[in-house]
Amino acid sequence: MRNTARWAATLALTATAVCGPLTGAALAAPATPDSLHAPSALVLAVAYGDDATLAAPARAVTLSCAPTASGSHPDARSACAELRGAQGDFDALRAREDVLCTKQYAPVVITVDGVWQGRRVSYERTFANECVKGSYGTSLFAF
């Protein structure tokens, strides 16, 4: 049941992030090189526990990076810049060396679902605790 609720929430947030901008007035504008962007709309969720399929998401945010940074992410501009710097590869994000964390085990799971530069993305990673999660990158997982 929890897995069904998680997927329903993820799909609803993804649909809102992708289709929300399309619901405005339809104005014909000439296509310019700056206005042609592959879609980038993601739903990021955090849950507490070892497995995202067993834990209900505690928080979820949307992040759209094309043509401009937007969404419910608290720092969408920095998060998009960080993701562009990693070329959309979440595994390329590394822990900062200036952060010291305890070895306390209180697992935190991050899931990302959506589209990055026109390509379908589904990512899940479990961190040992909230501090370790916060040490990865600067703003992408800070929500």
C-alpha atoms as a PDB file:
ATOM      1  CA  MET A   1       0.000   0.000   0.000  1.00  0.00           C
ATOM      2  CA  ARG A   2       2.818   2.428   0.848  1.00  0.00           C
ATOM      3  CA  ASN A   3       4.540   1.711  -2.453  1.00  0.00           C
ATOM      4  CA  THR A   4       1.292   2.521  -4.301  1.00  0.00           C
ATOM      5  CA  ALA A   5       0.936   5.794  -2.403  1.00  0.00           C
ATOM      6  CA  ARG A   6       4.561   6.683  -3.148  1.00  0.00           C
ATOM      7  CA  TRP A   7       4.138   6.081  -6.864  1.00  0.00           C
ATOM      8  CA  ALA A   8       0.841   7.972  -6.943  1.00  0.00           C
ATOM      9  CA  ALA A   9       2.486  10.964  -5.249  1.00  0.00           C
ATOM     10  CA  THR A  10       5.506  10.775  -7.561  1.00  0.00           C
ATOM     11  CA  LEU A  11       3.348  10.592 -10.680  1.00  0.00           C
ATOM     12  CA  ALA A  12       1.133  13.466  -9.534  1.00  0.00           C
ATOM     13  CA  LEU A  13       4.137  15.693  -8.785  1.00  0.00           C
ATOM     14  CA  THR A  14       5.819  14.757 -12.072  1.00  0.00           C
ATOM     15  CA  ALA A  15       2.655  15.516 -14.042  1.00  0.00           C
ATOM     16  CA  THR A  16       2.325  18.862 -12.264  1.00  0.00           C
ATOM     17  CA  ALA A  17       5.965  19.756 -12.915  1.00  0.00           C
ATOM     18  CA  VAL A  18       5.888  18.732 -16.579  1.00  0.00           C
ATOM     19  CA  CYS A  19       2.366  19.805 -17.550  1.00  0.00           C
ATOM     20  CA  GLY A  20       1.883  22.775 -15.213  1.00  0.00           C
ATOM     21  CA  PRO A  21       3.639  25.292 -17.491  1.00  0.00           C
ATOM     22  CA  LEU A  22       1.545  24.060 -20.416  1.00  0.00           C
ATOM     23  CA  THR A  23      -1.755  25.114 -18.843  1.00  0.00           C
ATOM     24  CA  GLY A  24      -1.174  28.864 -19.385  1.00  0.00           C
ATOM     25  CA  ALA A  25      -2.409  30.910 -22.318  1.00  0.00           C
ATOM     26  CA  ALA A  26      -1.201  29.609 -25.640  1.00  0.00           C
ATOM     27  CA  LEU A  27       0.734  32.439 -27.238  1.00  0.00           C
ATOM     28  CA  ALA A  28       2.613  31.816 -30.438  1.00  0.00           C
ATOM     29  CA  ALA A  29       6.201  32.938 -30.068  1.00  0.00           C
ATOM     30  CA  PRO A  30       8.974  32.475 -32.582  1.00  0.00           C
ATOM     31  CA  ALA A  31      11.407  29.707 -31.709  1.00  0.00           C
ATOM     32  CA  THR A  32      14.854  31.024 -30.890  1.00  0.00           C
ATOM     33  CA  PRO A  33      17.935  29.000 -30.065  1.00  0.00           C
ATOM     34  CA  ASP A  34      17.543  30.064 -26.409  1.00  0.00           C
ATOM     35  CA  SER A  35      13.933  28.858 -26.260  1.00  0.00           C
ATOM     36  CA  LEU A  36      14.649  25.340 -27.560  1.00  0.00           C
ATOM     37  CA  HIS A  37      15.509  23.204 -24.550  1.00  0.00           C
ATOM     38  CA  ALA A  38      15.087  19.538 -23.834  1.00  0.00           C
ATOM     39  CA  PRO A  39      12.683  19.146 -20.892  1.00  0.00           C
ATOM     40  CA  SER A  40      14.171  18.763 -17.433  1.00  0.00           C
ATOM     41  CA  ALA A  41      11.568  18.189 -14.721  1.00  0.00           C
ATOM     42  CA  LEU A  42      12.294  16.093 -11.657  1.00  0.00           C
ATOM     43  CA  VAL A  43      10.566  15.041  -8.446  1.00  0.00           C
ATOM     44  CA  LEU A  44      12.986  14.597  -5.548  1.00  0.00           C
ATOM     45  CA  ALA A  45      11.774  12.831  -2.396  1.00  0.00           C
ATOM     46  CA  VAL A  46      13.346  11.991   0.946  1.00  0.00           C
ATOM     47  CA  ALA A  47      12.290   9.110   3.192  1.00  0.00           C
ATOM     48  CA  TYR A  48      13.695   7.740   6.426  1.00  0.00           C
ATOM     49  CA  GLY A  49      14.620   4.062   6.497  1.00  0.00           C
ATOM     50  CA  ASP A  50      16.672   1.543   4.556  1.00  0.00           C
ATOM     51  CA  ASP A  51      14.352   1.144   1.579  1.00  0.00           C
ATOM     52  CA  ALA A  52      12.273   3.750  -0.273  1.00  0.00           C
ATOM     53  CA  THR A  53       9.643   1.149  -1.169  1.00  0.00           C
ATOM     54  CA  LEU A  54       8.980   0.482   2.518  1.00  0.00           C
ATOM     55  CA  ALA A  55       9.165   4.043   3.847  1.00  0.00           C
ATOM     56  CA  ALA A  56       6.665   6.768   3.050  1.00  0.00           C
ATOM     57  CA  PRO A  57       8.263   9.953   1.684  1.00  0.00           C
ATOM     58  CA  ALA A  58       8.731  12.586   4.397  1.00  0.00           C
ATOM     59  CA  ARG A  59       9.166  15.423   1.889  1.00  0.00           C
ATOM     60  CA  ALA A  60       9.062  15.843  -1.876  1.00  0.00           C
ATOM     61  CA  VAL A  61       9.931  18.771  -4.128  1.00  0.00           C
ATOM     62  CA  THR A  62       9.798  19.492  -7.843  1.00  0.00           C
ATOM     63  CA  LEU A  63      12.742  20.805  -9.825  1.00  0.00           C
ATOM     64  CA  SER A  64      12.556  22.052 -13.392  1.00  0.00           C
ATOM     65  CA  CYS A  65      15.789  23.230 -15.015  1.00  0.00           C
ATOM     66  CA  ALA A  66      14.830  24.130 -18.586  1.00  0.00           C
ATOM     67  CA  PRO A  67      14.430  26.759 -19.841  1.00  0.00           C
ATOM     68  CA  THR A  68      14.910  28.343 -16.389  1.00  0.00           C
ATOM     69  CA  ALA A  69      15.272  26.961 -12.883  1.00  0.00           C
ATOM     70  CA  SER A  70      11.913  26.637 -11.112  1.00  0.00           C
ATOM     71  CA  GLY A  71       9.821  24.333  -8.959  1.00  0.00           C
ATOM     72  CA  SER A  72       9.179  23.896  -5.263  1.00  0.00           C
ATOM     73  CA  HIS A  73      12.860  23.150  -4.491  1.00  0.00           C
ATOM     74  CA  PRO A  74      14.046  25.807  -1.990  1.00  0.00           C
ATOM     75  CA  ASP A  75      17.117  26.702  -4.108  1.00  0.00           C
ATOM     76  CA  ALA A  76      16.186  25.624  -7.632  1.00  0.00           C
ATOM     77  CA  ARG A  77      18.826  27.769  -9.352  1.00  0.00           C
ATOM     78  CA  SER A  78      21.748  26.296  -7.378  1.00  0.00           C
ATOM     79  CA  ALA A  79      20.342  22.761  -7.594  1.00  0.00           C
ATOM     80  CA  CYS A  80      20.060  23.014 -11.391  1.00  0.00           C
ATOM     81  CA  ALA A  81      23.592  24.426 -11.644  1.00  0.00           C
ATOM     82  CA  GLU A  82      24.905  21.587  -9.497  1.00  0.00           C
ATOM     83  CA  LEU A  83      23.124  18.978 -11.614  1.00  0.00           C
ATOM     84  CA  ARG A  84      24.367  20.570 -14.852  1.00  0.00           C
ATOM     85  CA  GLY A  85      27.899  20.495 -13.427  1.00  0.00           C
ATOM     86  CA  ALA A  86      27.519  16.748 -12.871  1.00  0.00           C
ATOM     87  CA  GLN A  87      26.054  16.436 -16.403  1.00  0.00           C
ATOM     88  CA  GLY A  88      22.877  14.962 -14.925  1.00  0.00           C
ATOM     89  CA  ASP A  89      24.771  12.049 -13.348  1.00  0.00           C
ATOM     90  CA  PHE A  90      23.643  11.734  -9.731  1.00  0.00           C
ATOM     91  CA  ASP A  91      26.364   9.157  -9.057  1.00  0.00           C
ATOM     92  CA  ALA A  92      28.980  11.775 -10.008  1.00  0.00           C
ATOM     93  CA  LEU A  93      28.051  13.847  -6.940  1.00  0.00           C
ATOM     94  CA  ARG A  94      30.682  13.324  -4.273  1.00  0.00           C
ATOM     95  CA  ALA A  95      30.793  14.115  -0.570  1.00  0.00           C
ATOM     96  CA  ARG A  96      32.493  17.381   0.332  1.00  0.00           C
ATOM     97  CA  GLU A  97      35.672  16.876   2.321  1.00  0.00           C
ATOM     98  CA  ASP A  98      35.006  19.836   4.627  1.00  0.00           C
ATOM     99  CA  VAL A  99      32.032  18.120   6.306  1.00  0.00           C
ATOM    100  CA  LEU A 100      32.530  15.878   9.322  1.00  0.00           C
ATOM    101  CA  CYS A 101      29.700  13.480  10.184  1.00  0.00           C
ATOM    102  CA  THR A 102      29.190  10.994  12.990  1.00  0.00           C
ATOM    103  CA  LYS A 103      28.976   7.306  12.250  1.00  0.00           C
ATOM    104  CA  GLN A 104      25.442   7.118  13.641  1.00  0.00           C
ATOM    105  CA  TYR A 105      23.272   4.919  11.417  1.00  0.00           C
ATOM    106  CA  ALA A 106      19.896   6.546  10.783  1.00  0.00           C
ATOM    107  CA  PRO A 107      19.328   5.820   7.066  1.00  0.00           C
ATOM    108  CA  VAL A 108      17.937   8.457   4.723  1.00  0.00           C
ATOM    109  CA  VAL A 109      16.765   7.542   1.219  1.00  0.00           C
ATOM    110  CA  ILE A 110      16.671  10.021  -1.671  1.00  0.00           C
ATOM    111  CA  THR A 111      14.675   9.179  -4.783  1.00  0.00           C
ATOM    112  CA  VAL A 112      14.599  11.148  -8.018  1.00  0.00           C
ATOM    113  CA  ASP A 113      12.110  10.492 -10.809  1.00  0.00           C
ATOM    114  CA  GLY A 114      11.392  12.481 -13.956  1.00  0.00           C
ATOM    115  CA  VAL A 115      13.139  13.731 -17.071  1.00  0.00           C
ATOM    116  CA  TRP A 116      16.606  15.265 -17.369  1.00  0.00           C
ATOM    117  CA  GLN A 117      17.388  16.922 -20.720  1.00  0.00           C
ATOM    118  CA  GLY A 118      14.795  14.785 -22.490  1.00  0.00           C
ATOM    119  CA  ARG A 119      15.993  11.509 -20.947  1.00  0.00           C
ATOM    120  CA  ARG A 120      13.985   9.489 -18.377  1.00  0.00           C
ATOM    121  CA  VAL A 121      15.660   9.414 -14.956  1.00  0.00           C
ATOM    122  CA  SER A 122      15.035   7.169 -11.954  1.00  0.00           C
ATOM    123  CA  TYR A 123      17.560   7.300  -9.116  1.00  0.00           C
ATOM    124  CA  GLU A 124      17.633   6.036  -5.542  1.00  0.00           C
ATOM    125  CA  ARG A 125      20.382   6.315  -2.961  1.00  0.00           C
ATOM    126  CA  THR A 126      20.538   5.494   0.743  1.00  0.00           C
ATOM    127  CA  PHE A 127      22.772   7.628   2.968  1.00  0.00           C
ATOM    128  CA  ALA A 128      23.917   6.553   6.434  1.00  0.00           C
ATOM    129  CA  ASN A 129      22.360   9.633   8.072  1.00  0.00           C
ATOM    130  CA  GLU A 130      21.120  13.167   7.396  1.00  0.00           C
ATOM    131  CA  CYS A 131      24.609  14.662   7.769  1.00  0.00           C
ATOM    132  CA  VAL A 132      26.076  12.345   5.133  1.00  0.00           C
ATOM    133  CA  LYS A 133      23.198  13.212   2.771  1.00  0.00           C
ATOM    134  CA  GLY A 134      23.909  16.898   3.314  1.00  0.00           C
ATOM    135  CA  SER A 135      27.584  16.455   2.521  1.00  0.00           C
ATOM    136  CA  TYR A 136      26.825  15.419  -1.055  1.00  0.00           C
ATOM    137  CA  GLY A 137      26.866  18.472  -3.266  1.00  0.00           C
ATOM    138  CA  THR A 138      25.718  21.793  -1.899  1.00  0.00           C
ATOM    139  CA  SER A 139      22.044  22.274  -2.652  1.00  0.00           C
ATOM    140  CA  LEU A 140      20.539  19.497  -4.770  1.00  0.00           C
ATOM    141  CA  PHE A 141      19.570  17.270  -1.831  1.00  0.00           C
ATOM    142  CA  ALA A 142      18.966  20.180   0.586  1.00  0.00           C
ATOM    143  CA  PHE A 143      15.182  20.286   0.819  1.00  0.00           C
END
